[in-house]
Amino acid sequence: MSKTSQDEWTLEIKPVSGWFVSYLKDVWRYRIFSYGVFVRRDFVAVYKQTILGPFWFFLQPVLTTLLLLR
């Protein structure tokens, strides 16, 4: 009574739903992470070649406010 290697592996695992539906659920579940990646990428792209860098993002509105208050 020896079993061949094919007889030992008879369990087949199948997904409950299609892979596309599962993929969309994961994308929706982790949407906040993708927003963070896109916002960071845009922020770096805008201020990468400036001398003050991201500091200019905060400095510019402060300077504008000071000028308009005079």
PDB file of N, CA and C in Angstrom:
ATOM      1  N   MET A   1       0.798  -1.180   0.000  1.00  0.00           N
ATOM      2  CA  MET A   1       0.000   0.000   0.000  1.00  0.00           C
ATOM      3  C   MET A   1       0.851   1.257   0.000  1.00  0.00           C
ATOM      4  N   SER A   2       1.618   1.419  -0.951  1.00  0.00           N
ATOM      5  CA  SER A   2       2.427   2.634  -1.014  1.00  0.00           C
ATOM      6  C   SER A   2       1.693   3.667  -1.874  1.00  0.00           C
ATOM      7  N   LYS A   3       1.741   4.891  -1.418  1.00  0.00           N
ATOM      8  CA  LYS A   3       1.092   5.983  -2.146  1.00  0.00           C
ATOM      9  C   LYS A   3       2.121   6.671  -3.042  1.00  0.00           C
ATOM     10  N   THR A   4       1.661   7.086  -4.157  1.00  0.00           N
ATOM     11  CA  THR A   4       2.547   7.860  -5.027  1.00  0.00           C
ATOM     12  C   THR A   4       2.512   9.320  -4.581  1.00  0.00           C
ATOM     13  N   SER A   5       3.413  10.113  -5.114  1.00  0.00           N
ATOM     14  CA  SER A   5       3.494  11.512  -4.698  1.00  0.00           C
ATOM     15  C   SER A   5       2.246  12.297  -5.110  1.00  0.00           C
ATOM     16  N   GLN A   6       1.575  11.896  -6.174  1.00  0.00           N
ATOM     17  CA  GLN A   6       0.362  12.588  -6.596  1.00  0.00           C
ATOM     18  C   GLN A   6      -0.798  12.314  -5.653  1.00  0.00           C
ATOM     19  N   ASP A   7      -0.858  11.150  -5.079  1.00  0.00           N
ATOM     20  CA  ASP A   7      -1.939  10.823  -4.157  1.00  0.00           C
ATOM     21  C   ASP A   7      -1.814  11.589  -2.843  1.00  0.00           C
ATOM     22  N   GLU A   8      -0.628  11.977  -2.473  1.00  0.00           N
ATOM     23  CA  GLU A   8      -0.425  12.682  -1.211  1.00  0.00           C
ATOM     24  C   GLU A   8      -0.928  14.120  -1.276  1.00  0.00           C
ATOM     25  N   TRP A   9      -0.922  14.709  -2.433  1.00  0.00           N
ATOM     26  CA  TRP A   9      -1.293  16.121  -2.574  1.00  0.00           C
ATOM     27  C   TRP A   9      -2.637  16.238  -3.302  1.00  0.00           C
ATOM     28  N   THR A  10      -3.714  16.000  -2.612  1.00  0.00           N
ATOM     29  CA  THR A  10      -5.029  16.069  -3.240  1.00  0.00           C
ATOM     30  C   THR A  10      -5.842  17.277  -2.777  1.00  0.00           C
ATOM     31  N   LEU A  11      -5.385  18.014  -1.782  1.00  0.00           N
ATOM     32  CA  LEU A  11      -6.104  19.175  -1.286  1.00  0.00           C
ATOM     33  C   LEU A  11      -5.870  20.370  -2.209  1.00  0.00           C
ATOM     34  N   GLU A  12      -6.947  20.963  -2.681  1.00  0.00           N
ATOM     35  CA  GLU A  12      -6.846  22.116  -3.565  1.00  0.00           C
ATOM     36  C   GLU A  12      -7.525  23.302  -2.880  1.00  0.00           C
ATOM     37  N   ILE A  13      -6.794  24.376  -2.718  1.00  0.00           N
ATOM     38  CA  ILE A  13      -7.314  25.556  -2.043  1.00  0.00           C
ATOM     39  C   ILE A  13      -7.767  26.551  -3.103  1.00  0.00           C
ATOM     40  N   LYS A  14      -9.020  26.995  -2.989  1.00  0.00           N
ATOM     41  CA  LYS A  14      -9.574  27.951  -3.948  1.00  0.00           C
ATOM     42  C   LYS A  14     -10.033  29.193  -3.200  1.00  0.00           C
ATOM     43  N   PRO A  15      -9.947  30.365  -3.839  1.00  0.00           N
ATOM     44  CA  PRO A  15     -10.407  31.593  -3.172  1.00  0.00           C
ATOM     45  C   PRO A  15     -11.925  31.611  -3.040  1.00  0.00           C
ATOM     46  N   VAL A  16     -12.402  32.318  -2.029  1.00  0.00           N
ATOM     47  CA  VAL A  16     -13.836  32.429  -1.817  1.00  0.00           C
ATOM     48  C   VAL A  16     -14.458  33.287  -2.909  1.00  0.00           C
ATOM     49  N   SER A  17     -13.794  34.374  -3.273  1.00  0.00           N
ATOM     50  CA  SER A  17     -14.268  35.232  -4.350  1.00  0.00           C
ATOM     51  C   SER A  17     -13.130  35.423  -5.349  1.00  0.00           C
ATOM     52  N   GLY A  18     -13.423  36.133  -6.397  1.00  0.00           N
ATOM     53  CA  GLY A  18     -12.408  36.366  -7.420  1.00  0.00           C
ATOM     54  C   GLY A  18     -11.269  37.229  -6.911  1.00  0.00           C
ATOM     55  N   TRP A  19     -10.130  37.147  -7.544  1.00  0.00           N
ATOM     56  CA  TRP A  19      -8.957  37.898  -7.101  1.00  0.00           C
ATOM     57  C   TRP A  19      -9.142  39.393  -7.292  1.00  0.00           C
ATOM     58  N   PHE A  20      -9.902  39.789  -8.314  1.00  0.00           N
ATOM     59  CA  PHE A  20     -10.086  41.208  -8.592  1.00  0.00           C
ATOM     60  C   PHE A  20     -10.897  41.887  -7.489  1.00  0.00           C
ATOM     61  N   VAL A  21     -11.930  41.217  -7.010  1.00  0.00           N
ATOM     62  CA  VAL A  21     -12.753  41.760  -5.935  1.00  0.00           C
ATOM     63  C   VAL A  21     -11.922  41.883  -4.665  1.00  0.00           C
ATOM     64  N   SER A  22     -11.137  40.885  -4.388  1.00  0.00           N
ATOM     65  CA  SER A  22     -10.270  40.917  -3.216  1.00  0.00           C
ATOM     66  C   SER A  22      -9.252  42.042  -3.326  1.00  0.00           C
ATOM     67  N   TYR A  23      -8.708  42.241  -4.501  1.00  0.00           N
ATOM     68  CA  TYR A  23      -7.729  43.298  -4.734  1.00  0.00           C
ATOM     69  C   TYR A  23      -8.357  44.671  -4.498  1.00  0.00           C
ATOM     70  N   LEU A  24      -9.574  44.885  -4.985  1.00  0.00           N
ATOM     71  CA  LEU A  24     -10.248  46.170  -4.796  1.00  0.00           C
ATOM     72  C   LEU A  24     -10.554  46.427  -3.326  1.00  0.00           C
ATOM     73  N   LYS A  25     -10.899  45.387  -2.593  1.00  0.00           N
ATOM     74  CA  LYS A  25     -11.136  45.548  -1.153  1.00  0.00           C
ATOM     75  C   LYS A  25      -9.860  45.974  -0.444  1.00  0.00           C
ATOM     76  N   ASP A  26      -8.737  45.395  -0.810  1.00  0.00           N
ATOM     77  CA  ASP A  26      -7.462  45.779  -0.199  1.00  0.00           C
ATOM     78  C   ASP A  26      -7.081  47.212  -0.556  1.00  0.00           C
ATOM     79  N   VAL A  27      -7.315  47.612  -1.782  1.00  0.00           N
ATOM     80  CA  VAL A  27      -7.009  48.984  -2.196  1.00  0.00           C
ATOM     81  C   VAL A  27      -7.863  49.958  -1.389  1.00  0.00           C
ATOM     82  N   TRP A  28      -9.145  49.644  -1.219  1.00  0.00           N
ATOM     83  CA  TRP A  28     -10.013  50.533  -0.452  1.00  0.00           C
ATOM     84  C   TRP A  28      -9.609  50.558   1.020  1.00  0.00           C
ATOM     85  N   ARG A  29      -9.230  49.420   1.571  1.00  0.00           N
ATOM     86  CA  ARG A  29      -8.864  49.332   2.982  1.00  0.00           C
ATOM     87  C   ARG A  29      -7.611  50.153   3.285  1.00  0.00           C
ATOM     88  N   TYR A  30      -6.659  50.182   2.374  1.00  0.00           N
ATOM     89  CA  TYR A  30      -5.396  50.876   2.603  1.00  0.00           C
ATOM     90  C   TYR A  30      -5.289  52.168   1.793  1.00  0.00           C
ATOM     91  N   ARG A  31      -6.403  52.813   1.495  1.00  0.00           N
ATOM     92  CA  ARG A  31      -6.401  54.018   0.666  1.00  0.00           C
ATOM     93  C   ARG A  31      -5.661  55.172   1.324  1.00  0.00           C
ATOM     94  N   ILE A  32      -5.666  55.240   2.632  1.00  0.00           N
ATOM     95  CA  ILE A  32      -4.997  56.343   3.320  1.00  0.00           C
ATOM     96  C   ILE A  32      -3.487  56.304   3.080  1.00  0.00           C
ATOM     97  N   PHE A  33      -2.930  55.112   2.944  1.00  0.00           N
ATOM     98  CA  PHE A  33      -1.498  54.999   2.687  1.00  0.00           C
ATOM     99  C   PHE A  33      -1.148  55.494   1.288  1.00  0.00           C
ATOM    100  N   SER A  34      -1.997  55.196   0.327  1.00  0.00           N
ATOM    101  CA  SER A  34      -1.712  55.653  -1.032  1.00  0.00           C
ATOM    102  C   SER A  34      -1.847  57.167  -1.131  1.00  0.00           C
ATOM    103  N   TYR A  35      -2.800  57.761  -0.412  1.00  0.00           N
ATOM    104  CA  TYR A  35      -2.900  59.219  -0.398  1.00  0.00           C
ATOM    105  C   TYR A  35      -1.626  59.828   0.185  1.00  0.00           C
ATOM    106  N   GLY A  36      -1.126  59.245   1.249  1.00  0.00           N
ATOM    107  CA  GLY A  36       0.096  59.745   1.869  1.00  0.00           C
ATOM    108  C   GLY A  36       1.276  59.704   0.919  1.00  0.00           C
ATOM    109  N   VAL A  37       1.365  58.651   0.144  1.00  0.00           N
ATOM    110  CA  VAL A  37       2.463  58.521  -0.819  1.00  0.00           C
ATOM    111  C   VAL A  37       2.347  59.595  -1.902  1.00  0.00           C
ATOM    112  N   PHE A  38       1.135  59.818  -2.402  1.00  0.00           N
ATOM    113  CA  PHE A  38       0.955  60.806  -3.459  1.00  0.00           C
ATOM    114  C   PHE A  38       1.186  62.219  -2.949  1.00  0.00           C
ATOM    115  N   VAL A  39       0.709  62.533  -1.758  1.00  0.00           N
ATOM    116  CA  VAL A  39       0.900  63.871  -1.200  1.00  0.00           C
ATOM    117  C   VAL A  39       2.382  64.126  -0.962  1.00  0.00           C
ATOM    118  N   ARG A  40       3.077  63.164  -0.403  1.00  0.00           N
ATOM    119  CA  ARG A  40       4.510  63.326  -0.149  1.00  0.00           C
ATOM    120  C   ARG A  40       5.273  63.522  -1.456  1.00  0.00           C
ATOM    121  N   ARG A  41       4.924  62.741  -2.463  1.00  0.00           N
ATOM    122  CA  ARG A  41       5.599  62.850  -3.757  1.00  0.00           C
ATOM    123  C   ARG A  41       5.395  64.236  -4.370  1.00  0.00           C
ATOM    124  N   ASP A  42       4.170  64.751  -4.328  1.00  0.00           N
ATOM    125  CA  ASP A  42       3.902  66.078  -4.875  1.00  0.00           C
ATOM    126  C   ASP A  42       4.613  67.161  -4.081  1.00  0.00           C
ATOM    127  N   PHE A  43       4.619  67.023  -2.765  1.00  0.00           N
ATOM    128  CA  PHE A  43       5.276  68.008  -1.903  1.00  0.00           C
ATOM    129  C   PHE A  43       6.771  68.066  -2.194  1.00  0.00           C
ATOM    130  N   VAL A  44       7.397  66.913  -2.315  1.00  0.00           N
ATOM    131  CA  VAL A  44       8.832  66.857  -2.594  1.00  0.00           C
ATOM    132  C   VAL A  44       9.122  67.388  -3.999  1.00  0.00           C
ATOM    133  N   ALA A  45       8.274  67.080  -4.951  1.00  0.00           N
ATOM    134  CA  ALA A  45       8.498  67.534  -6.324  1.00  0.00           C
ATOM    135  C   ALA A  45       8.436  69.053  -6.434  1.00  0.00           C
ATOM    136  N   VAL A  46       7.549  69.683  -5.675  1.00  0.00           N
ATOM    137  CA  VAL A  46       7.398  71.138  -5.761  1.00  0.00           C
ATOM    138  C   VAL A  46       8.564  71.858  -5.101  1.00  0.00           C
ATOM    139  N   TYR A  47       8.989  71.386  -3.931  1.00  0.00           N
ATOM    140  CA  TYR A  47       9.970  72.123  -3.145  1.00  0.00           C
ATOM    141  C   TYR A  47      11.383  71.547  -3.190  1.00  0.00           C
ATOM    142  N   LYS A  48      11.626  70.612  -4.069  1.00  0.00           N
ATOM    143  CA  LYS A  48      12.933  69.957  -4.101  1.00  0.00           C
ATOM    144  C   LYS A  48      14.051  70.891  -4.558  1.00  0.00           C
ATOM    145  N   GLN A  49      13.797  71.728  -5.518  1.00  0.00           N
ATOM    146  CA  GLN A  49      14.858  72.555  -6.089  1.00  0.00           C
ATOM    147  C   GLN A  49      14.872  73.982  -5.544  1.00  0.00           C
ATOM    148  N   THR A  50      14.144  74.235  -4.466  1.00  0.00           N
ATOM    149  CA  THR A  50      14.197  75.561  -3.867  1.00  0.00           C
ATOM    150  C   THR A  50      15.291  75.600  -2.814  1.00  0.00           C
ATOM    151  N   ILE A  51      15.799  76.792  -2.535  1.00  0.00           N
ATOM    152  CA  ILE A  51      16.884  76.936  -1.559  1.00  0.00           C
ATOM    153  C   ILE A  51      16.394  76.637  -0.153  1.00  0.00           C
ATOM    154  N   LEU A  52      15.214  77.162   0.182  1.00  0.00           N
ATOM    155  CA  LEU A  52      14.685  76.963   1.533  1.00  0.00           C
ATOM    156  C   LEU A  52      13.940  75.636   1.698  1.00  0.00           C
ATOM    157  N   GLY A  53      13.612  75.015   0.613  1.00  0.00           N
ATOM    158  CA  GLY A  53      12.945  73.723   0.672  1.00  0.00           C
ATOM    159  C   GLY A  53      11.561  73.811   1.276  1.00  0.00           C
ATOM    160  N   PRO A  54      11.171  72.822   2.048  1.00  0.00           N
ATOM    161  CA  PRO A  54       9.827  72.805   2.635  1.00  0.00           C
ATOM    162  C   PRO A  54       9.575  73.951   3.610  1.00  0.00           C
ATOM    163  N   PHE A  55      10.639  74.562   4.133  1.00  0.00           N
ATOM    164  CA  PHE A  55      10.465  75.705   5.031  1.00  0.00           C
ATOM    165  C   PHE A  55       9.729  76.841   4.328  1.00  0.00           C
ATOM    166  N   TRP A  56       9.916  76.969   3.023  1.00  0.00           N
ATOM    167  CA  TRP A  56       9.254  78.005   2.242  1.00  0.00           C
ATOM    168  C   TRP A  56       7.739  77.810   2.246  1.00  0.00           C
ATOM    169  N   PHE A  57       7.287  76.600   2.383  1.00  0.00           N
ATOM    170  CA  PHE A  57       5.856  76.288   2.440  1.00  0.00           C
ATOM    171  C   PHE A  57       5.190  77.016   3.609  1.00  0.00           C
ATOM    172  N   PHE A  58       5.885  77.133   4.727  1.00  0.00           N
ATOM    173  CA  PHE A  58       5.347  77.811   5.903  1.00  0.00           C
ATOM    174  C   PHE A  58       5.723  79.299   5.929  1.00  0.00           C
ATOM    175  N   LEU A  59       6.873  79.624   5.406  1.00  0.00           N
ATOM    176  CA  LEU A  59       7.365  80.995   5.450  1.00  0.00           C
ATOM    177  C   LEU A  59       6.571  81.929   4.523  1.00  0.00           C
ATOM    178  N   GLN A  60       6.199  81.474   3.374  1.00  0.00           N
ATOM    179  CA  GLN A  60       5.501  82.306   2.403  1.00  0.00           C
ATOM    180  C   GLN A  60       4.162  82.837   2.934  1.00  0.00           C
ATOM    181  N   PRO A  61       3.277  82.042   3.517  1.00  0.00           N
ATOM    182  CA  PRO A  61       2.024  82.604   4.053  1.00  0.00           C
ATOM    183  C   PRO A  61       2.262  83.567   5.218  1.00  0.00           C
ATOM    184  N   VAL A  62       3.272  83.295   6.035  1.00  0.00           N
ATOM    185  CA  VAL A  62       3.581  84.198   7.150  1.00  0.00           C
ATOM    186  C   VAL A  62       4.030  85.554   6.615  1.00  0.00           C
ATOM    187  N   LEU A  63       4.900  85.550   5.638  1.00  0.00           N
ATOM    188  CA  LEU A  63       5.359  86.815   5.048  1.00  0.00           C
ATOM    189  C   LEU A  63       4.220  87.565   4.359  1.00  0.00           C
ATOM    190  N   THR A  64       3.366  86.860   3.687  1.00  0.00           N
ATOM    191  CA  THR A  64       2.225  87.491   3.027  1.00  0.00           C
ATOM    192  C   THR A  64       1.301  88.116   4.063  1.00  0.00           C
ATOM    193  N   THR A  65       1.046  87.421   5.133  1.00  0.00           N
ATOM    194  CA  THR A  65       0.206  87.945   6.212  1.00  0.00           C
ATOM    195  C   THR A  65       0.820  89.200   6.822  1.00  0.00           C
ATOM    196  N   LEU A  66       2.115  89.178   7.080  1.00  0.00           N
ATOM    197  CA  LEU A  66       2.784  90.342   7.651  1.00  0.00           C
ATOM    198  C   LEU A  66       2.717  91.550   6.726  1.00  0.00           C
ATOM    199  N   LEU A  67       2.859  91.312   5.442  1.00  0.00           N
ATOM    200  CA  LEU A  67       2.787  92.411   4.471  1.00  0.00           C
ATOM    201  C   LEU A  67       1.387  92.994   4.367  1.00  0.00           C
ATOM    202  N   LEU A  68       0.379  92.154   4.444  1.00  0.00           N
ATOM    203  CA  LEU A  68      -0.995  92.633   4.325  1.00  0.00           C
ATOM    204  C   LEU A  68      -1.474  93.307   5.596  1.00  0.00           C
ATOM    205  N   LEU A  69      -0.879  93.027   6.733  1.00  0.00           N
ATOM    206  CA  LEU A  69      -1.278  93.660   7.983  1.00  0.00           C
ATOM    207  C   LEU A  69      -0.748  95.089   8.109  1.00  0.00           C
ATOM    208  N   ARG A  70       0.242  95.457   7.379  1.00  0.00           N
ATOM    209  CA  ARG A  70       0.842  96.805   7.478  1.00  0.00           C
ATOM    210  C   ARG A  70      -0.018  97.840   6.855  1.00  0.00           C
TER     211      ARG A  70
END
